[in-house]
Amino acid sequence: MNIDQAYHLLFMGALIIFAVLIGVMLIRAVIGPRITDRILSINMIGTMTICSIAILSGLLHEGYLTDVALIYAMLSFVAVLILAVMYIPAKSTREKQQPEQGKKASAKSAHKKKPAKSSSEEKQTKEEPAEAQTGMTQGNETSTAGNPLQGQVPKTPAADINSGKQSRAKKQKARKKGKKA
């Protein structure tokens, strides 16, 4: 067995493996439970096809097949990009819920970052809270020394967070009632 036969055997083996993997990804594209699984498998099929064309280019000693592989790579990229834009929504429900969770996190972090109060500050909070005067909670004092606005977090009333939970619960109940009917 000379070197040319060894390369021929290697290229043919790689092409067979890629053909099997393309078949598996085709099945995944059809069965995939989510749209993202389908888009990902189509992208994998495109990538394996590009590799197969490149291997054929080496096997057949044809340079133009490399150009075909590059053009196919560009087309595959654009196709996956269009599929992703068409089928994956811009604002998912997870992103809509994150601002509400962000309010909770900022309120919790504001309480954790409060510096120790001196006796004069305690008197001021008993009379009228400083947070009520500014509408802002103070962050770390060392970071606010240079810039008075740096480190301040907007005050989040608990009523806003609770109303978000209640409206979400109402929507879920309405959906359940709609399914039962």
Protein backbone atom coordinates (compact mmCIF):
# COMPACT_ATOMS: atom_id res chain seq x y z
CA MET A 1 0.00 0.00 0.00
CA ASN A 2 1.52 3.28 -1.10
CA ILE A 3 0.84 6.78 0.24
CA ASP A 4 -1.77 7.63 -2.41
CA GLN A 5 -3.86 4.59 -1.55
CA ALA A 6 -3.59 5.44 2.16
CA TYR A 7 -4.83 8.99 1.53
CA HIS A 8 -7.62 7.66 -0.67
CA LEU A 9 -8.70 5.27 2.10
CA LEU A 10 -8.51 8.07 4.72
CA PHE A 11 -10.57 10.49 2.60
CA MET A 12 -13.20 7.85 1.79
CA GLY A 13 -13.49 6.89 5.47
CA ALA A 14 -13.91 10.54 6.46
CA LEU A 15 -16.58 11.05 3.78
CA ILE A 16 -18.50 7.99 5.03
CA ILE A 17 -18.34 9.25 8.62
CA PHE A 18 -19.54 12.70 7.54
CA ALA A 19 -22.40 11.13 5.55
CA VAL A 20 -23.53 9.20 8.64
CA LEU A 21 -23.29 12.32 10.82
CA ILE A 22 -25.24 14.37 8.27
CA GLY A 23 -27.97 11.72 8.40
CA VAL A 24 -28.05 11.90 12.21
CA MET A 25 -28.30 15.69 12.11
CA LEU A 26 -31.07 15.46 9.53
CA ILE A 27 -33.04 13.25 11.92
CA ARG A 28 -32.35 15.74 14.72
CA ALA A 29 -33.60 18.58 12.51
CA VAL A 30 -36.89 16.74 11.98
CA ILE A 31 -37.38 15.44 15.53
CA GLY A 32 -35.83 18.32 17.50
CA PRO A 33 -38.26 19.42 20.21
CA ARG A 34 -37.35 23.12 20.02
CA ILE A 35 -36.74 25.44 17.11
CA THR A 36 -33.22 26.16 18.38
CA ASP A 37 -32.38 22.43 18.11
CA ARG A 38 -33.54 22.45 14.51
CA ILE A 39 -31.56 25.58 13.62
CA LEU A 40 -28.45 24.17 15.28
CA SER A 41 -28.73 20.86 13.42
CA ILE A 42 -29.16 22.70 10.09
CA ASN A 43 -26.01 24.66 10.90
CA MET A 44 -24.19 21.40 11.69
CA ILE A 45 -25.36 19.88 8.40
CA GLY A 46 -23.98 22.91 6.56
CA THR A 47 -20.65 22.69 8.37
CA MET A 48 -20.28 18.97 7.66
CA THR A 49 -21.18 19.52 4.02
CA ILE A 50 -18.45 22.16 3.75
CA CYS A 51 -15.96 19.70 5.27
CA SER A 52 -17.08 16.99 2.84
CA ILE A 53 -16.60 19.31 -0.14
CA ALA A 54 -13.11 20.23 1.15
CA ILE A 55 -12.24 16.53 1.51
CA LEU A 56 -13.50 15.87 -2.04
CA SER A 57 -11.30 18.71 -3.23
CA GLY A 58 -8.26 16.95 -1.79
CA LEU A 59 -9.40 13.50 -2.97
CA LEU A 60 -10.07 14.56 -6.56
CA HIS A 61 -7.23 17.13 -6.75
CA GLU A 62 -9.66 19.77 -7.98
CA GLY A 63 -8.97 23.29 -6.71
CA TYR A 64 -12.30 24.75 -7.77
CA LEU A 65 -14.08 22.63 -5.13
CA THR A 66 -12.36 24.70 -2.43
CA ASP A 67 -13.99 27.80 -3.92
CA VAL A 68 -17.33 26.00 -3.91
CA ALA A 69 -16.83 25.13 -0.22
CA LEU A 70 -16.12 28.78 0.63
CA ILE A 71 -19.21 29.99 -1.23
CA TYR A 72 -21.29 27.31 0.46
CA ALA A 73 -19.93 28.47 3.84
CA MET A 74 -21.13 32.01 3.19
CA LEU A 75 -24.54 30.80 2.03
CA SER A 76 -24.88 28.50 5.03
CA PHE A 77 -24.03 31.33 7.42
CA VAL A 78 -26.61 33.65 5.86
CA ALA A 79 -29.25 30.91 5.85
CA VAL A 80 -28.76 30.13 9.55
CA LEU A 81 -28.76 33.83 10.38
CA ILE A 82 -32.07 34.34 8.55
CA LEU A 83 -33.61 31.29 10.23
CA ALA A 84 -32.52 32.54 13.64
CA VAL A 85 -33.99 35.99 13.02
CA MET A 86 -37.25 34.57 11.67
CA TYR A 87 -37.93 31.89 14.28
CA ILE A 88 -36.29 33.09 17.49
CA PRO A 89 -38.29 36.01 18.93
CA ALA A 90 -36.49 39.25 19.73
CA LYS A 91 -38.01 39.54 23.22
CA SER A 92 -38.54 36.18 24.82
CA THR A 93 -40.65 35.73 27.93
CA ARG A 94 -37.48 35.16 29.91
CA GLU A 95 -36.19 38.64 29.00
CA LYS A 96 -39.52 40.19 29.98
CA GLN A 97 -39.30 38.60 33.42
CA GLN A 98 -35.67 39.65 34.00
CA PRO A 99 -36.44 43.33 34.72
CA GLU A 100 -38.74 42.25 37.54
CA GLN A 101 -36.02 39.99 38.91
CA GLY A 102 -33.52 42.81 38.47
CA LYS A 103 -35.66 45.01 40.70
CA LYS A 104 -35.61 42.35 43.39
CA ALA A 105 -31.84 41.94 43.09
CA SER A 106 -31.19 45.68 43.21
CA ALA A 107 -33.39 46.06 46.27
CA LYS A 108 -31.61 43.20 48.03
CA SER A 109 -28.16 44.47 47.08
CA ALA A 110 -29.04 47.97 48.26
CA HIS A 111 -29.88 46.62 51.69
CA LYS A 112 -26.66 44.60 51.84
CA LYS A 113 -24.40 47.47 50.75
CA LYS A 114 -25.58 50.01 53.35
CA PRO A 115 -22.66 51.24 55.43
CA ALA A 116 -22.76 51.31 59.22
CA LYS A 117 -24.62 54.37 60.49
CA SER A 118 -23.27 56.80 63.01
CA SER A 119 -25.42 58.14 65.83
CA SER A 120 -26.19 61.37 63.93
CA GLU A 121 -27.35 59.38 60.89
CA GLU A 122 -29.57 57.22 63.10
CA LYS A 123 -31.27 60.34 64.45
CA GLN A 124 -31.85 61.52 60.89
CA THR A 125 -33.41 58.18 59.88
CA LYS A 126 -35.73 58.28 62.90
CA GLU A 127 -36.93 61.75 61.97
CA GLU A 128 -37.02 61.41 58.18
CA PRO A 129 -35.16 58.75 56.19
CA ALA A 130 -32.47 60.02 53.80
CA GLU A 131 -33.77 57.59 51.19
CA ALA A 132 -37.17 59.24 51.28
CA GLN A 133 -35.57 62.66 50.68
CA THR A 134 -33.59 61.62 47.60
CA GLY A 135 -35.64 58.68 46.35
CA MET A 136 -32.38 56.77 45.99
CA THR A 137 -30.57 54.25 48.16
CA GLN A 138 -26.91 54.89 48.78
CA GLY A 139 -24.37 52.34 47.57
CA ASN A 140 -20.84 51.84 48.85
CA GLU A 141 -19.54 55.06 50.47
CA THR A 142 -16.00 54.63 49.21
CA SER A 143 -17.21 54.66 45.61
CA THR A 144 -19.31 57.79 46.12
CA ALA A 145 -16.50 59.95 47.52
CA GLY A 146 -15.47 61.28 44.10
CA ASN A 147 -18.88 61.37 42.44
CA PRO A 148 -22.03 61.81 44.54
CA LEU A 149 -24.22 60.04 41.95
CA GLN A 150 -21.97 57.02 41.53
CA GLY A 151 -23.15 53.86 43.28
CA GLN A 152 -26.74 55.00 43.79
CA VAL A 153 -29.48 52.53 43.03
CA PRO A 154 -33.10 53.57 42.35
CA LYS A 155 -35.41 52.72 45.21
CA THR A 156 -37.83 49.94 44.26
CA PRO A 157 -41.09 49.78 46.19
CA ALA A 158 -42.14 46.29 47.20
CA ALA A 159 -45.62 47.00 45.85
CA ASP A 160 -44.27 47.13 42.27
CA ILE A 161 -42.62 43.74 42.63
CA ASN A 162 -45.69 42.16 44.22
CA SER A 163 -48.03 43.60 41.58
CA GLY A 164 -45.84 42.02 38.88
CA LYS A 165 -46.17 38.63 40.57
CA GLN A 166 -49.92 39.04 40.95
CA SER A 167 -50.47 40.02 37.32
CA ARG A 168 -48.34 37.09 36.18
CA ALA A 169 -50.36 34.73 38.36
CA LYS A 170 -53.60 36.13 36.94
CA LYS A 171 -52.36 35.59 33.38
CA GLN A 172 -51.41 31.99 34.17
CA LYS A 173 -54.83 31.32 35.69
CA ALA A 174 -56.53 32.81 32.64
CA ARG A 175 -54.45 30.56 30.34
CA LYS A 176 -55.38 27.48 32.37
CA LYS A 177 -59.06 28.38 32.21
CA GLY A 178 -58.77 28.88 28.45
CA LYS A 179 -57.23 25.42 28.03
CA LYS A 180 -59.92 23.73 30.12
CA ALA A 181 -62.76 25.31 28.14
